[in-house]
Protein backbone atom coordinates (compact mmCIF):
# COMPACT_ATOMS: atom_id res chain seq x y z
CA UNK A 1 -6.37 90.31 -7.49
CA UNK A 2 -6.93 88.81 -4.13
CA UNK A 3 -4.32 86.76 -2.40
CA UNK A 4 -5.72 83.43 -1.43
CA UNK A 5 -4.02 80.99 0.84
CA UNK A 6 -4.99 77.38 0.69
CA UNK A 7 -4.87 75.38 3.80
CA UNK A 8 -4.91 71.66 3.32
CA UNK A 9 -5.81 69.24 6.03
CA UNK A 10 -3.45 66.42 5.81
CA UNK A 11 -3.36 63.25 7.72
CA UNK A 12 0.09 62.66 9.09
CA UNK A 13 0.92 59.70 6.86
CA UNK A 14 -0.69 60.89 3.53
CA UNK A 15 1.27 63.05 1.21
CA UNK A 16 0.02 64.58 -2.02
CA UNK A 17 2.98 64.11 -4.35
CA UNK A 18 3.08 63.63 -8.00
CA UNK A 19 2.67 60.08 -9.22
CA UNK A 20 1.45 58.71 -5.90
CA UNK A 21 -2.00 57.63 -4.89
CA UNK A 22 -3.74 59.64 -2.16
CA UNK A 23 -5.82 56.69 -1.05
CA UNK A 24 -4.48 54.61 1.78
CA UNK A 25 -5.08 50.93 1.26
CA UNK A 26 -5.28 48.75 4.32
CA UNK A 27 -4.31 45.15 4.09
CA UNK A 28 -7.08 42.73 4.55
CA UNK A 29 -6.31 39.51 6.34
CA UNK A 30 -8.39 36.46 7.22
CA UNK A 31 -10.18 36.42 10.44
CA UNK A 32 -9.59 33.97 13.28
CA UNK A 33 -12.53 31.77 12.39
CA UNK A 34 -11.40 31.51 8.73
CA UNK A 35 -7.91 30.53 9.86
CA UNK A 36 -9.34 27.86 12.16
CA UNK A 37 -11.50 26.47 9.29
CA UNK A 38 -8.62 26.40 6.89
CA UNK A 39 -6.35 24.66 9.37
CA UNK A 40 -8.99 22.11 10.24
CA UNK A 41 -9.66 21.38 6.53
CA UNK A 42 -5.91 20.90 5.89
CA UNK A 43 -5.79 18.56 8.84
CA UNK A 44 -8.75 16.63 7.55
CA UNK A 45 -7.19 16.32 4.13
CA UNK A 46 -3.91 15.06 5.46
CA UNK A 47 -5.66 12.58 7.73
CA UNK A 48 -7.62 11.17 4.79
CA UNK A 49 -4.45 10.76 2.85
CA UNK A 50 -2.83 8.98 5.84
CA UNK A 51 -5.77 6.64 6.14
CA UNK A 52 -5.75 5.97 2.35
CA UNK A 53 -2.10 4.99 2.46
CA UNK A 54 -2.75 2.74 5.46
CA UNK A 55 -5.46 0.83 3.71
CA UNK A 56 -3.21 0.44 0.71
CA UNK A 57 -0.58 -1.18 2.91
CA UNK A 58 -3.23 -3.46 4.50
CA UNK A 59 -4.45 -4.60 1.00
CA UNK A 60 -0.82 -5.29 0.03
CA UNK A 61 -0.54 -7.43 3.20
CA UNK A 62 -3.57 -9.46 2.18
CA UNK A 63 -2.17 -9.99 -1.30
CA UNK A 64 1.19 -11.07 0.13
CA UNK A 65 -0.41 -13.57 2.55
CA UNK A 66 -2.48 -14.96 -0.36
CA UNK A 67 0.66 -15.45 -2.46
CA UNK A 68 2.50 -17.03 0.52
CA UNK A 69 -0.31 -19.48 1.11
CA UNK A 70 -0.32 -20.40 -2.54
CA UNK A 71 3.45 -20.93 -2.41
CA UNK A 72 2.99 -23.20 0.60
CA UNK A 73 0.36 -25.32 -1.22
CA UNK A 74 2.55 -25.61 -4.34
CA UNK A 75 5.57 -26.64 -2.19
CA UNK A 76 3.51 -29.29 -0.37
CA UNK A 77 2.24 -30.56 -3.74
CA UNK A 78 5.80 -30.69 -5.07
CA UNK A 79 6.97 -32.71 -2.02
CA UNK A 80 4.13 -35.14 -2.49
CA UNK A 81 5.00 -35.60 -6.15
CA UNK A 82 8.66 -36.16 -5.31
CA UNK A 83 7.68 -38.95 -2.92
CA UNK A 84 5.42 -40.46 -5.57
CA UNK A 85 8.17 -40.34 -8.14
CA UNK A 86 10.63 -41.94 -5.79
CA UNK A 87 8.13 -44.74 -5.00
CA UNK A 88 7.43 -45.38 -8.65
CA UNK A 89 11.13 -45.40 -9.66
CA UNK A 90 11.93 -47.79 -6.82
CA UNK A 91 9.23 -50.20 -7.95
CA UNK A 92 10.48 -49.99 -11.53
CA UNK A 93 14.10 -50.52 -10.37
CA UNK A 94 13.16 -53.54 -8.31
CA UNK A 95 11.37 -55.17 -11.29
CA UNK A 96 14.40 -54.66 -13.53
CA UNK A 97 17.01 -55.83 -10.96
CA UNK A 98 18.86 -59.14 -11.30
CA UNK A 99 17.74 -60.19 -7.80
CA UNK A 100 14.08 -59.87 -8.83
CA UNK A 101 14.72 -61.82 -12.02
CA UNK A 102 15.84 -65.01 -10.13
CA UNK A 103 13.02 -64.88 -7.65
CA UNK A 104 10.01 -67.14 -8.02
CA UNK A 105 6.47 -65.85 -8.40
CA UNK A 106 4.38 -66.41 -5.28
CA UNK A 107 1.43 -68.78 -5.43
CA UNK A 108 -1.25 -69.33 -2.96
CA UNK A 109 -1.16 -73.00 -2.05
CA UNK A 110 -4.03 -73.10 0.35
CA UNK A 111 -5.57 -71.64 3.46
CA UNK A 112 -5.24 -72.90 6.98
CA UNK A 113 -8.40 -74.45 8.35
CA UNK A 114 -9.25 -75.15 11.96
């Protein structure tokens, strides 16, 4: 029988032990262009969300101003109706008063001529 000696060429970081892989796996990472594209897309998405929220606030402002103008119109109408009610009740109160009962009705007696 011939004595044979096996010489293995090993890389310094690779070991051939039981239960371990002999293949070195390098980590893959994104390149600089891919990172720039991803960051710019995220910035664009956040910008669109910001603009969408801003337009929601503006639309709420329009709705609020419409409701406020409607409230102003209704308040003005209410004030007009309150004045009308006061005028009508004062006329009715004047007709039913004792002072008005003793007054004589006015009659046109004639017109002045030149």
